[in-house]
Amino acid sequence: MKYTSIYNNSYLKLKSNMKKVLLTIIIAFTASFFSFSFAQDSHQAVINKVFGEDGEVYFKFNITDRNEINTLTHIISIDNVKDNEVYAYANRKEFSLFLDAGYSYTILPHPGSLLTDAELMNPHPADAPSTVWNFYPTYDQYLSYMAGFASAYPDICKVDTIGYTKQNRLLLAVKISDSVNNEDGEPQFFYSSSIHGDEITGYVMTLHLIDSLLTSYGNSPRITDIVNNTEIFICPLANPDGTYHGGNNSVNGAIRYNANYIDLNRNYPDPEDGQHPDGEEWQPETVAFMAFADSNHFNMGANFHGGSEVFNYPWDTWAKRAADDAWWQYVGHEFVDTVHSYAPSYYFGDFNNGITNGYDWYTISGGRQDYMNYFKYCREVTIEISNTKLPSASKLLTFWNYNYHSLLNFLEQANYSIQGRITDTVTGEPLSAKVFILGHDKDNSFVFSKLPSGFYSRLLNEGTYSLSFTCDGYFSKTVTADVVNHQQTRLDVQMVPLNISVENRDVKHVSMAFPNPSDGNFRLVFPATSKGQSHVEIYNSTGAQVLNQSYPGNLSSVEMNLGNLSAGLYFIKVESPAGIFSDRIVIY
């Protein structure tokens, strides 16, 4: 009975305690749920108040530690960092995540809505010449100007349609070249502007540049030389939905994001953070520009922004330096030093005398600069050209005068490279090969030659480099070359097929070397069908040429004395009016 009583009392106590614990859990959960719900309701009320009918907000806040940026950059679109003050944009989803972080903030007037149409010179007076470029065009004027460039200069200019925006506006680029309808085995250079729709100083500046290049061709030796030796692509407006968010007749009301309120300069595949670092699907503009990069072979370029004045070079996504960091600093200082020759000292006066490594300023993921450098092997840089994102139209010619000479200098840099064509040594056909700098290249800094020309271009700071050329089905080849700044190093490379005897049906494979194998002294018998002068080339198994000699057509054979060569397999090519003939010989 006593045991039973004790058991019952214990059971009752346990039951009572369990009720209390359960009640505490229910109360805690309920409080947490209502707290969460209240926080969400509170967030929604704040967001509704802050955004109103808009889909994008501009604001600033303070941080206590620079390392906070590494987290914040994945939540909101950071625009600038000045000491511990951060300027940023956000859509509704991003701002809700930012509110969760608990920062105090100040909402700022949107940069795209600060000026009147009169200050923007919109619409442009009908009796004013468009070529003054001291106004922001309407969207329809922009389309007209781009089409007009091509129609006025069809021999050196054409318009490419990159694609369409979310709202079906056109993404356009002009190509300027003395061989405008062909890929001519020259460096391809790409200027573009205003991926952020409210940063549009570069929009008018690149229109002005197109006009200047076309009207100066044939009149200015310098510009004629640039156009004759470079395939130049210029896209003045990479985010027309953002720029004309307020309507096609004015840039007033321009926003940073696209029509889906996505930051296009956070929407690209990232070397460190994967295919969708912003957690969003690729936008129509992103897909179009990636396809445009795939269909071309850009070696160098720049995209223009606003909100600061600095030459921002790779990388943005991680702290490690690019393989070509010394080259980036050299060309960056050249750009800015030239600007300083034509502008007040305060212009491009911050950071390291006007240039900065992107990560050192603040890190971002999904930027186009890093995408082009890492995935497309193109040396592209971000150039911020005005502290004011949308300056009054009266300032546009001032920014042009500050930057014009630097724009030309940077274009010319595309030809100060090791460049040439990579071809099959037997057939002379162009190859798509990898060009790797031994002891130097890292993080996809190597480049490729492109078909149909076989042209490659490797931009490097001055020095001596060992270049390794590799191509499937061919012996690799290593060549040493010297690079001098502001000079082109021409290096054409021929590669030997691994199986030369069956490489190409247009090559006639016949026995010409006797005896074979030999000690290096053998007779080369020209094919009976070969009439006229014969040109003989012999290569070792690594593709290095060991003999290049022509012989008159009256010879049926010739003694070859190559006993000084190392033992191994050698490839013989004979070109004559009758065709191309090949053989191989083993020297022991």
Protein backbone atom coordinates (compact mmCIF):
# COMPACT_ATOMS: atom_id res chain seq x y z
CA MET A 1 0.00 0.00 0.00
CA LYS A 2 2.83 2.34 0.90
CA TYR A 3 4.58 1.52 -2.37
CA THR A 4 1.42 2.10 -4.28
CA SER A 5 0.89 5.43 -2.57
CA ILE A 6 4.43 6.58 -3.30
CA TYR A 7 4.08 5.48 -6.93
CA ASN A 8 0.80 7.32 -7.33
CA ASN A 9 2.19 10.48 -5.76
CA SER A 10 5.27 10.32 -8.01
CA TYR A 11 3.12 9.69 -11.02
CA LEU A 12 0.92 12.67 -10.20
CA LYS A 13 3.98 14.89 -9.73
CA LEU A 14 5.50 13.68 -13.00
CA LYS A 15 2.21 14.23 -14.77
CA SER A 16 1.96 17.71 -13.30
CA ASN A 17 5.57 18.54 -14.31
CA MET A 18 4.98 17.23 -17.81
CA LYS A 19 1.98 19.51 -18.13
CA LYS A 20 4.09 22.45 -17.01
CA VAL A 21 6.89 21.59 -19.46
CA LEU A 22 4.40 21.11 -22.26
CA LEU A 23 2.67 24.37 -21.39
CA THR A 24 6.05 26.16 -21.34
CA ILE A 25 6.91 24.75 -24.76
CA ILE A 26 3.51 25.75 -26.13
CA ILE A 27 3.84 29.26 -24.70
CA ALA A 28 7.41 29.59 -26.01
CA PHE A 29 6.44 28.31 -29.45
CA THR A 30 3.37 30.52 -29.54
CA ALA A 31 5.39 33.54 -28.46
CA SER A 32 8.06 32.71 -31.03
CA PHE A 33 5.45 32.22 -33.72
CA PHE A 34 3.68 35.45 -32.93
CA SER A 35 7.04 37.22 -32.62
CA PHE A 36 8.01 35.87 -36.03
CA SER A 37 4.62 36.78 -37.47
CA PHE A 38 4.79 40.22 -35.90
CA ALA A 39 8.32 40.69 -37.29
CA GLN A 40 7.11 39.69 -40.71
CA ASP A 41 4.08 41.93 -40.45
CA SER A 42 6.31 44.71 -39.17
CA HIS A 43 8.77 44.15 -42.05
CA GLN A 44 5.96 44.23 -44.55
CA ALA A 45 4.62 47.47 -43.15
CA VAL A 46 8.08 49.04 -43.30
CA ILE A 47 8.65 47.76 -46.83
CA ASN A 48 5.28 49.07 -48.00
CA LYS A 49 6.07 52.45 -46.51
CA VAL A 50 9.63 52.61 -47.88
CA PHE A 51 8.89 51.33 -51.38
CA GLY A 52 5.41 52.63 -52.07
CA GLU A 53 4.77 51.74 -55.71
CA ASP A 54 8.48 51.30 -56.50
CA GLY A 55 10.38 48.04 -56.77
CA GLU A 56 13.80 49.41 -55.83
CA VAL A 57 15.13 51.53 -52.96
CA TYR A 58 18.41 53.41 -52.42
CA PHE A 59 19.75 53.78 -48.88
CA LYS A 60 22.82 54.03 -46.66
CA PHE A 61 23.89 52.60 -43.31
CA ASN A 62 26.99 52.16 -41.15
CA ILE A 63 29.00 49.06 -40.34
CA THR A 64 31.46 48.53 -37.50
CA ASP A 65 33.71 46.00 -39.23
CA ARG A 66 34.65 45.77 -42.93
CA ASN A 67 34.19 42.01 -42.76
CA GLU A 68 30.43 42.59 -42.50
CA ILE A 69 30.50 43.41 -46.22
CA ASN A 70 31.29 39.77 -47.03
CA THR A 71 27.86 38.79 -45.73
CA LEU A 72 25.93 41.89 -46.76
CA THR A 73 27.05 41.65 -50.38
CA HIS A 74 25.00 38.42 -50.69
CA ILE A 75 21.89 40.15 -49.32
CA ILE A 76 21.75 43.57 -51.00
CA SER A 77 23.41 45.31 -53.93
CA ILE A 78 26.24 47.35 -52.44
CA ASP A 79 26.95 50.45 -54.50
CA ASN A 80 29.78 52.13 -52.62
CA VAL A 81 31.73 51.88 -49.38
CA LYS A 82 33.31 54.98 -47.85
CA ASP A 83 35.17 54.07 -44.66
CA ASN A 84 32.36 52.44 -42.62
CA GLU A 85 29.48 54.02 -44.52
CA VAL A 86 27.77 51.74 -47.04
CA TYR A 87 25.51 52.85 -49.91
CA ALA A 88 23.25 50.20 -51.38
CA TYR A 89 20.19 49.28 -53.42
CA ALA A 90 17.61 46.59 -52.72
CA ASN A 91 14.42 45.15 -54.11
CA ARG A 92 11.64 44.16 -51.72
CA LYS A 93 12.98 40.67 -51.02
CA GLU A 94 16.50 41.93 -50.48
CA PHE A 95 15.36 44.75 -48.19
CA SER A 96 13.41 42.30 -46.05
CA LEU A 97 16.59 40.26 -45.53
CA PHE A 98 18.47 43.46 -44.75
CA LEU A 99 15.88 44.38 -42.10
CA ASP A 100 16.47 41.00 -40.45
CA ALA A 101 20.10 42.01 -39.94
CA GLY A 102 18.97 44.86 -37.67
CA TYR A 103 20.92 47.76 -39.14
CA SER A 104 19.76 51.35 -38.78
CA TYR A 105 19.46 52.95 -42.19
CA THR A 106 18.62 56.14 -44.05
CA ILE A 107 16.51 56.11 -47.21
CA LEU A 108 18.06 58.34 -49.90
CA PRO A 109 16.53 60.09 -52.91
CA HIS A 110 16.86 57.89 -55.97
CA PRO A 111 19.79 59.08 -58.17
CA GLY A 112 17.73 58.59 -61.34
CA SER A 113 15.01 61.04 -60.29
CA LEU A 114 16.94 64.11 -59.15
CA LEU A 115 16.99 66.13 -62.38
CA THR A 116 14.27 67.72 -64.45
CA ASP A 117 13.75 67.03 -68.14
CA ALA A 118 15.13 70.48 -68.83
CA GLU A 119 18.39 69.58 -67.05
CA LEU A 120 18.50 66.36 -69.06
CA MET A 121 17.66 68.19 -72.31
CA ASN A 122 14.77 65.85 -72.96
CA PRO A 123 13.38 65.98 -75.49
CA HIS A 124 16.37 67.17 -77.50
CA PRO A 125 15.59 70.31 -79.52
CA ALA A 126 14.80 69.33 -83.10
CA ASP A 127 16.99 72.08 -84.53
CA ALA A 128 20.07 71.12 -82.48
CA PRO A 129 22.70 68.85 -84.06
CA SER A 130 22.77 65.38 -82.54
CA THR A 131 26.53 65.15 -82.89
CA VAL A 132 27.07 67.70 -80.13
CA TRP A 133 26.23 64.84 -77.70
CA ASN A 134 25.29 67.16 -74.86
CA PHE A 135 21.93 65.54 -74.12
CA TYR A 136 20.34 62.24 -73.10
CA PRO A 137 18.44 60.82 -76.09
CA THR A 138 15.02 59.27 -75.96
CA TYR A 139 14.90 55.52 -76.53
CA ASP A 140 13.63 56.01 -80.09
CA GLN A 141 16.41 58.52 -80.80
CA TYR A 142 18.92 55.97 -79.51
CA LEU A 143 17.65 53.33 -81.94
CA SER A 144 17.75 55.86 -84.76
CA TYR A 145 21.34 56.89 -83.99
CA MET A 146 22.56 53.29 -83.86
CA ALA A 147 20.92 52.47 -87.20
CA GLY A 148 22.21 55.75 -88.64
CA PHE A 149 25.82 54.94 -87.81
CA ALA A 150 25.65 51.77 -89.89
CA SER A 151 23.78 53.32 -92.80
CA ALA A 152 26.17 56.30 -93.00
CA TYR A 153 29.36 54.18 -92.79
CA PRO A 154 28.47 50.73 -94.18
CA ASP A 155 32.08 49.89 -95.12
CA ILE A 156 33.31 50.07 -91.53
CA CYS A 157 30.20 49.85 -89.32
CA LYS A 158 27.31 47.49 -88.75
CA VAL A 159 24.78 47.02 -85.96
CA ASP A 160 24.48 43.70 -84.12
CA THR A 161 21.41 42.79 -82.10
CA ILE A 162 22.67 41.26 -78.88
CA GLY A 163 19.17 40.35 -77.75
CA TYR A 164 16.07 41.71 -76.04
CA THR A 165 15.26 42.90 -72.55
CA LYS A 166 12.45 41.77 -70.27
CA GLN A 167 10.28 44.54 -71.79
CA ASN A 168 11.39 43.69 -75.35
CA ARG A 169 13.68 46.68 -75.81
CA LEU A 170 16.68 46.06 -78.04
CA LEU A 171 20.18 45.35 -76.77
CA LEU A 172 22.43 46.71 -79.52
CA ALA A 173 26.12 46.95 -80.34
CA VAL A 174 27.94 48.44 -83.29
CA LYS A 175 30.93 46.71 -84.81
CA ILE A 176 33.57 49.04 -86.26
CA SER A 177 36.28 47.46 -88.43
CA ASP A 178 37.85 47.76 -91.86
CA SER A 179 36.56 44.20 -92.37
CA VAL A 180 33.21 44.70 -90.74
CA ASN A 181 31.45 41.61 -92.12
CA ASN A 182 34.22 39.12 -91.33
CA GLU A 183 36.24 37.82 -88.39
CA ASP A 184 39.60 39.00 -89.64
CA GLY A 185 42.19 37.63 -87.22
CA GLU A 186 42.53 40.82 -85.13
CA PRO A 187 42.02 41.62 -81.44
CA GLN A 188 38.35 42.02 -80.56
CA PHE A 189 37.63 44.88 -78.15
CA PHE A 190 34.33 45.47 -76.34
CA TYR A 191 33.20 48.75 -74.72
CA SER A 192 29.78 48.71 -73.02
CA SER A 193 27.96 50.98 -70.62
CA SER A 194 25.12 51.30 -68.15
CA ILE A 195 24.47 47.75 -67.01
CA HIS A 196 23.13 49.74 -64.07
CA GLY A 197 20.33 51.72 -65.67
CA ASP A 198 20.79 54.90 -63.62
CA GLU A 199 24.54 55.17 -64.28
CA ILE A 200 24.43 56.73 -67.72
CA THR A 201 27.28 59.18 -68.16
CA GLY A 202 28.91 56.37 -70.17
CA TYR A 203 25.76 55.89 -72.24
CA VAL A 204 26.19 59.22 -74.02
CA MET A 205 29.99 59.03 -73.92
CA THR A 206 30.07 55.75 -75.87
CA LEU A 207 27.59 57.12 -78.43
CA HIS A 208 29.97 60.06 -78.80
CA LEU A 209 32.90 57.64 -79.19
CA ILE A 210 31.16 55.72 -81.97
CA ASP A 211 30.47 58.96 -83.82
CA SER A 212 34.05 60.16 -83.33
CA LEU A 213 35.64 56.91 -84.58
CA LEU A 214 33.46 56.84 -87.69
CA THR A 215 33.87 60.49 -88.66
CA SER A 216 37.63 60.41 -87.98
CA TYR A 217 38.36 57.25 -89.98
CA GLY A 218 40.44 58.15 -93.02
CA ASN A 219 41.10 61.63 -91.61
CA SER A 220 43.00 60.80 -88.42
CA PRO A 221 45.99 58.44 -88.97
CA ARG A 222 45.76 57.28 -85.36
CA ILE A 223 42.08 56.37 -85.47
CA THR A 224 42.42 54.88 -88.94
CA ASP A 225 45.17 52.63 -87.62
CA ILE A 226 43.06 51.59 -84.60
CA VAL A 227 40.09 50.66 -86.81
CA ASN A 228 42.27 48.86 -89.36
CA ASN A 229 43.89 46.68 -86.71
CA THR A 230 41.10 46.09 -84.18
CA GLU A 231 37.57 44.75 -84.31
CA ILE A 232 35.76 47.25 -82.07
CA PHE A 233 32.37 46.49 -80.51
CA ILE A 234 30.48 49.17 -78.55
CA CYS A 235 27.20 48.71 -76.65
CA PRO A 236 26.17 52.10 -75.23
CA LEU A 237 23.18 50.82 -73.26
CA ALA A 238 23.24 47.41 -71.56
CA ASN A 239 20.08 47.94 -69.47
CA PRO A 240 17.54 50.00 -71.44
CA ASP A 241 14.64 48.84 -69.25
CA GLY A 242 16.38 50.36 -66.24
CA THR A 243 17.41 53.57 -68.02
CA TYR A 244 13.95 54.13 -69.51
CA HIS A 245 12.04 52.89 -66.48
CA GLY A 246 10.10 56.18 -66.51
CA GLY A 247 9.15 55.82 -70.17
CA ASN A 248 10.85 55.92 -73.57
CA ASN A 249 10.80 59.70 -73.80
CA SER A 250 13.12 60.46 -70.91
CA VAL A 251 15.86 58.97 -68.75
CA ASN A 252 14.22 60.74 -65.82
CA GLY A 253 13.18 58.00 -63.40
CA ALA A 254 16.01 55.65 -64.38
CA ILE A 255 16.65 52.80 -61.93
CA ARG A 256 19.63 50.55 -61.24
CA TYR A 257 17.92 47.17 -61.72
CA ASN A 258 16.18 45.71 -64.76
CA ALA A 259 12.40 45.43 -65.21
CA ASN A 260 12.32 42.39 -62.88
CA TYR A 261 14.13 44.45 -60.23
CA ILE A 262 17.25 42.30 -60.47
CA ASP A 263 20.76 43.76 -60.42
CA LEU A 264 22.22 42.59 -63.74
CA ASN A 265 25.75 43.10 -62.45
CA ARG A 266 25.17 40.43 -59.78
CA ASN A 267 23.44 37.99 -62.13
CA TYR A 268 26.38 36.34 -63.93
CA PRO A 269 28.11 33.05 -63.14
CA ASP A 270 30.84 33.67 -60.59
CA PRO A 271 34.29 32.04 -60.31
CA GLU A 272 33.88 31.52 -56.56
CA ASP A 273 30.14 31.45 -55.91
CA GLY A 274 28.80 29.37 -58.80
CA GLN A 275 26.25 29.76 -61.56
CA HIS A 276 23.59 31.76 -59.69
CA PRO A 277 25.34 33.67 -56.90
CA ASP A 278 22.36 36.01 -56.42
CA GLY A 279 19.89 33.14 -56.13
CA GLU A 280 18.01 34.39 -59.19
CA GLU A 281 17.48 32.95 -62.65
CA TRP A 282 19.61 34.46 -65.38
CA GLN A 283 17.78 37.47 -66.71
CA PRO A 284 17.05 37.90 -70.45
CA GLU A 285 19.78 40.56 -70.63
CA THR A 286 22.31 38.27 -68.94
CA VAL A 287 21.53 35.36 -71.27
CA ALA A 288 21.83 37.65 -74.30
CA PHE A 289 25.22 39.05 -73.28
CA MET A 290 26.61 35.60 -72.45
CA ALA A 291 25.54 34.36 -75.90
CA PHE A 292 27.11 37.46 -77.48
CA ALA A 293 30.40 36.71 -75.72
CA ASP A 294 30.19 33.09 -76.92
CA SER A 295 29.71 34.14 -80.54
CA ASN A 296 32.71 36.48 -80.47
CA HIS A 297 36.24 36.29 -79.13
CA PHE A 298 36.73 39.39 -77.02
CA ASN A 299 40.33 39.86 -75.91
CA MET A 300 39.88 43.10 -73.98
CA GLY A 301 37.16 45.49 -72.89
CA ALA A 302 35.64 47.82 -70.31
CA ASN A 303 32.19 48.47 -68.94
CA PHE A 304 31.30 51.94 -67.70
CA HIS A 305 29.56 52.69 -64.42
CA GLY A 306 28.89 55.76 -62.29
CA GLY A 307 28.74 56.68 -58.62
CA SER A 308 32.49 56.91 -58.18
CA GLU A 309 35.58 57.78 -60.24
CA VAL A 310 37.96 54.84 -60.32
CA PHE A 311 39.50 52.19 -62.57
CA ASN A 312 38.34 48.96 -60.83
CA TYR A 313 40.33 45.90 -61.96
CA PRO A 314 39.92 42.15 -61.19
CA TRP A 315 39.11 40.40 -59.06
CA ASP A 316 35.85 41.44 -57.39
CA THR A 317 34.85 38.07 -55.99
CA TRP A 318 37.95 37.00 -54.05
CA ALA A 319 41.03 38.50 -52.39
CA LYS A 320 43.67 36.69 -54.43
CA ARG A 321 45.32 38.71 -57.16
CA ALA A 322 44.97 38.05 -60.87
CA ALA A 323 47.88 36.49 -62.71
CA ASP A 324 48.16 39.74 -64.69
CA ASP A 325 47.87 42.06 -61.69
CA ALA A 326 51.02 43.98 -62.75
CA TRP A 327 49.57 44.51 -66.23
CA TRP A 328 46.25 45.68 -64.79
CA GLN A 329 48.00 48.25 -62.64
CA TYR A 330 50.10 49.42 -65.58
CA VAL A 331 47.16 49.97 -67.95
CA GLY A 332 45.02 51.34 -65.12
CA HIS A 333 47.53 54.00 -64.22
CA GLU A 334 48.01 54.84 -67.88
CA PHE A 335 44.25 55.38 -68.24
CA VAL A 336 44.01 57.55 -65.13
CA ASP A 337 47.28 59.44 -65.65
CA THR A 338 46.04 60.45 -69.09
CA VAL A 339 42.73 61.56 -67.57
CA HIS A 340 44.67 63.71 -65.10
CA SER A 341 46.33 65.49 -68.02
CA TYR A 342 42.93 66.74 -69.20
CA ALA A 343 40.92 67.03 -65.97
CA PRO A 344 41.10 68.74 -62.57
CA SER A 345 43.22 66.97 -59.96
CA TYR A 346 40.18 65.88 -57.93
CA TYR A 347 38.76 63.87 -60.84
CA PHE A 348 39.82 60.20 -60.48
CA GLY A 349 41.65 61.32 -57.35
CA ASP A 350 40.66 58.63 -54.84
CA PHE A 351 41.98 55.17 -54.02
CA ASN A 352 45.47 54.41 -55.41
CA ASN A 353 45.70 57.55 -57.54
CA GLY A 354 42.48 56.58 -59.30
CA ILE A 355 42.74 52.78 -59.54
CA THR A 356 41.74 49.97 -57.19
CA ASN A 357 41.57 46.23 -56.99
CA GLY A 358 37.86 45.42 -56.88
CA TYR A 359 37.97 43.21 -53.78
CA ASP A 360 39.97 45.80 -51.88
CA TRP A 361 37.15 48.30 -52.44
CA TYR A 362 34.31 45.91 -51.66
CA THR A 363 33.56 42.39 -52.79
CA ILE A 364 30.69 41.38 -55.05
CA SER A 365 29.58 38.11 -56.61
CA GLY A 366 28.07 37.62 -60.05
CA GLY A 367 29.68 40.67 -61.67
CA ARG A 368 30.21 40.79 -65.42
CA GLN A 369 33.85 41.81 -65.07
CA ASP A 370 34.84 38.58 -63.30
CA TYR A 371 32.61 36.53 -65.60
CA MET A 372 34.35 37.85 -68.71
CA ASN A 373 37.83 37.41 -67.24
CA TYR A 374 37.33 33.93 -65.80
CA PHE A 375 34.89 32.24 -68.16
CA LYS A 376 35.54 34.11 -71.44
CA TYR A 377 39.33 34.69 -71.08
CA CYS A 378 38.83 38.41 -71.82
CA ARG A 379 40.60 41.23 -69.98
CA GLU A 380 37.58 43.34 -69.01
CA VAL A 381 37.62 46.13 -66.43
CA THR A 382 34.98 48.23 -64.65
CA ILE A 383 35.50 51.99 -65.04
CA GLU A 384 33.48 54.33 -62.83
CA ILE A 385 33.58 57.69 -64.65
CA SER A 386 31.42 60.08 -62.61
CA ASN A 387 30.62 60.45 -58.91
CA THR A 388 27.20 61.64 -60.01
CA LYS A 389 25.33 58.77 -61.59
CA LEU A 390 23.10 60.99 -63.70
CA PRO A 391 24.81 64.39 -64.19
CA SER A 392 23.04 67.24 -65.92
CA ALA A 393 23.33 67.26 -69.71
CA SER A 394 25.49 70.38 -69.51
CA LYS A 395 28.29 68.25 -67.97
CA LEU A 396 28.40 65.53 -70.62
CA LEU A 397 30.94 67.20 -72.91
CA THR A 398 33.11 67.88 -69.86
CA PHE A 399 33.29 64.16 -69.06
CA TRP A 400 33.98 63.44 -72.74
CA ASN A 401 36.92 65.84 -72.77
CA TYR A 402 38.27 64.31 -69.56
CA ASN A 403 38.16 60.73 -70.90
CA TYR A 404 38.48 60.83 -74.71
CA HIS A 405 42.25 60.36 -74.90
CA SER A 406 42.16 57.57 -72.31
CA LEU A 407 39.46 55.79 -74.30
CA LEU A 408 41.75 55.73 -77.34
CA ASN A 409 44.78 54.68 -75.29
CA PHE A 410 42.84 51.77 -73.85
CA LEU A 411 41.66 50.73 -77.31
CA GLU A 412 45.25 50.72 -78.56
CA GLN A 413 46.33 48.48 -75.67
CA ALA A 414 44.46 45.61 -77.35
CA ASN A 415 47.22 45.43 -79.97
CA TYR A 416 50.13 45.64 -77.51
CA SER A 417 50.15 41.89 -76.97
CA ILE A 418 51.76 38.66 -78.02
CA GLN A 419 49.52 37.79 -80.93
CA GLY A 420 49.45 35.71 -84.08
CA ARG A 421 47.87 32.74 -85.80
CA ILE A 422 48.09 29.08 -84.84
CA THR A 423 47.98 26.69 -87.78
CA ASP A 424 48.54 23.07 -88.78
CA THR A 425 52.10 22.76 -90.03
CA VAL A 426 51.10 20.29 -92.77
CA THR A 427 47.93 21.83 -94.16
CA GLY A 428 48.27 25.43 -93.03
CA GLU A 429 44.69 25.26 -91.67
CA PRO A 430 43.94 27.39 -88.57
CA LEU A 431 43.60 25.69 -85.18
CA SER A 432 41.78 26.34 -81.92
CA ALA A 433 44.59 25.93 -79.39
CA LYS A 434 45.24 26.80 -75.75
CA VAL A 435 47.96 29.35 -74.98
CA PHE A 436 49.33 28.95 -71.44
CA ILE A 437 52.11 31.00 -69.86
CA LEU A 438 54.34 28.62 -67.90
CA GLY A 439 54.96 29.67 -64.30
CA HIS A 440 52.53 32.57 -64.65
CA ASP A 441 48.97 31.64 -65.56
CA LYS A 442 46.38 30.80 -62.90
CA ASP A 443 42.63 31.13 -62.38
CA ASN A 444 41.81 30.80 -66.10
CA SER A 445 44.18 33.56 -67.22
CA PHE A 446 45.21 31.48 -70.24
CA VAL A 447 43.66 32.21 -73.64
CA PHE A 448 42.61 30.31 -76.76
CA SER A 449 42.97 30.91 -80.46
CA LYS A 450 39.69 31.13 -82.32
CA LEU A 451 38.42 29.69 -85.54
CA PRO A 452 38.06 30.43 -88.40
CA SER A 453 41.22 32.58 -88.27
CA GLY A 454 43.32 30.72 -85.68
CA PHE A 455 44.08 34.14 -84.15
CA TYR A 456 45.10 34.54 -80.50
CA SER A 457 46.12 37.51 -78.39
CA ARG A 458 47.79 37.36 -74.97
CA LEU A 459 48.06 40.66 -73.08
CA LEU A 460 51.06 40.76 -70.74
CA ASN A 461 53.17 43.21 -68.81
CA GLU A 462 56.71 43.56 -70.15
CA GLY A 463 59.07 40.68 -69.48
CA THR A 464 60.19 37.32 -70.89
CA TYR A 465 57.63 34.52 -70.99
CA SER A 466 57.48 30.85 -71.97
CA LEU A 467 54.29 30.15 -73.92
CA SER A 468 52.95 26.62 -74.13
CA PHE A 469 50.68 25.86 -77.11
CA THR A 470 48.45 22.78 -76.84
CA CYS A 471 45.75 21.39 -79.11
CA ASP A 472 44.02 18.01 -79.20
CA GLY A 473 45.62 15.82 -81.84
CA TYR A 474 48.86 17.83 -81.99
CA PHE A 475 52.26 17.83 -80.37
CA SER A 476 52.52 20.59 -77.77
CA LYS A 477 54.96 23.39 -78.42
CA THR A 478 56.77 25.81 -76.12
CA VAL A 479 58.14 29.14 -77.33
CA THR A 480 59.92 31.90 -75.41
CA ALA A 481 58.98 35.49 -76.23
CA ASP A 482 59.95 38.94 -74.99
CA VAL A 483 57.24 41.50 -74.27
CA VAL A 484 57.84 45.25 -74.27
CA ASN A 485 55.09 47.59 -73.08
CA HIS A 486 53.44 49.56 -75.89
CA GLN A 487 54.76 47.17 -78.52
CA GLN A 488 53.23 44.23 -80.33
CA THR A 489 55.04 40.88 -80.28
CA ARG A 490 54.07 38.87 -83.34
CA LEU A 491 54.27 35.12 -82.82
CA ASP A 492 52.73 32.82 -85.43
CA VAL A 493 52.85 29.16 -84.42
CA GLN A 494 52.63 25.98 -86.49
CA MET A 495 51.72 22.73 -84.76
CA VAL A 496 52.54 19.21 -85.90
CA PRO A 497 49.76 16.58 -85.94
CA LEU A 498 50.31 13.56 -83.67
CA ASN A 499 49.46 11.25 -86.56
CA ILE A 500 50.74 13.14 -89.55
CA SER A 501 50.38 10.14 -91.87
CA VAL A 502 46.58 10.17 -91.66
CA GLU A 503 45.96 13.77 -90.63
CA ASN A 504 44.45 15.23 -93.77
CA ARG A 505 43.26 13.71 -96.99
CA ASP A 506 44.52 16.73 -98.95
CA VAL A 507 48.09 15.79 -97.98
CA LYS A 508 49.74 13.10 -100.09
CA HIS A 509 51.69 10.73 -97.87
CA VAL A 510 54.59 9.17 -99.80
CA SER A 511 57.98 7.71 -98.97
CA MET A 512 60.65 10.27 -99.74
CA ALA A 513 63.46 9.59 -97.19
CA PHE A 514 65.97 6.79 -97.81
CA PRO A 515 67.37 5.04 -95.82
CA ASN A 516 64.79 5.20 -93.03
CA PRO A 517 65.72 4.93 -90.16
CA SER A 518 69.02 6.72 -90.67
CA ASP A 519 71.85 8.34 -88.75
CA GLY A 520 70.70 11.73 -90.03
CA ASN A 521 72.33 11.46 -93.42
CA PHE A 522 69.73 10.42 -95.99
CA ARG A 523 68.49 11.22 -99.46
CA LEU A 524 65.22 13.07 -99.89
CA VAL A 525 63.60 12.03 -103.17
CA PHE A 526 61.03 14.48 -104.50
CA PRO A 527 57.79 12.89 -105.77
CA ALA A 528 57.77 12.28 -109.52
CA THR A 529 54.62 14.35 -109.84
CA SER A 530 56.35 17.36 -108.27
CA LYS A 531 57.29 19.93 -110.91
CA GLY A 532 58.83 23.29 -110.18
CA GLN A 533 60.46 24.57 -107.00
CA SER A 534 60.03 22.42 -103.89
CA HIS A 535 59.90 23.88 -100.38
CA VAL A 536 61.02 21.50 -97.60
CA GLU A 537 60.20 21.83 -93.89
CA ILE A 538 61.25 19.32 -91.23
CA TYR A 539 59.90 19.28 -87.66
CA ASN A 540 60.81 17.32 -84.55
CA SER A 541 58.23 15.51 -82.43
CA THR A 542 57.56 18.60 -80.28
CA GLY A 543 56.66 20.69 -83.34
CA ALA A 544 59.90 22.67 -83.44
CA GLN A 545 61.08 23.41 -86.97
CA VAL A 546 64.61 22.12 -87.65
CA LEU A 547 64.85 22.83 -91.41
CA ASN A 548 63.23 25.32 -93.78
CA GLN A 549 64.70 25.27 -97.27
CA SER A 550 63.66 25.70 -100.94
CA TYR A 551 65.14 23.71 -103.82
CA PRO A 552 65.00 24.39 -107.60
CA GLY A 553 62.61 22.40 -109.76
CA ASN A 554 65.32 20.63 -111.80
CA LEU A 555 66.35 18.48 -108.81
CA SER A 556 64.83 15.04 -108.43
CA SER A 557 66.45 14.45 -105.03
CA VAL A 558 68.77 16.07 -102.52
CA GLU A 559 71.21 14.84 -99.88
CA MET A 560 70.16 15.75 -96.33
CA ASN A 561 72.90 16.02 -93.73
CA LEU A 562 71.13 16.20 -90.37
CA GLY A 563 73.48 14.10 -88.26
CA ASN A 564 73.59 16.91 -85.67
CA LEU A 565 69.97 16.28 -84.71
CA SER A 566 68.98 14.32 -81.62
CA ALA A 567 67.66 10.80 -82.02
CA GLY A 568 63.89 10.65 -82.51
CA LEU A 569 60.97 10.94 -84.91
CA TYR A 570 60.92 13.78 -87.48
CA PHE A 571 58.20 14.95 -89.86
CA ILE A 572 58.93 16.04 -93.42
CA LYS A 573 56.68 18.33 -95.46
CA VAL A 574 57.34 19.14 -99.12
CA GLU A 575 55.28 21.82 -100.87
CA SER A 576 55.38 22.13 -104.66
CA PRO A 577 53.04 23.23 -107.45
CA ALA A 578 51.81 19.62 -107.53
CA GLY A 579 50.60 19.70 -103.93
CA ILE A 580 51.70 18.97 -100.38
CA PHE A 581 53.59 15.75 -99.63
CA SER A 582 54.59 14.33 -96.25
CA ASP A 583 56.79 11.64 -94.81
CA ARG A 584 58.39 10.81 -91.49
CA ILE A 585 61.89 9.60 -90.65
CA VAL A 586 63.47 8.11 -87.56
CA ILE A 587 66.98 9.29 -86.73
CA TYR A 588 68.94 6.97 -84.42
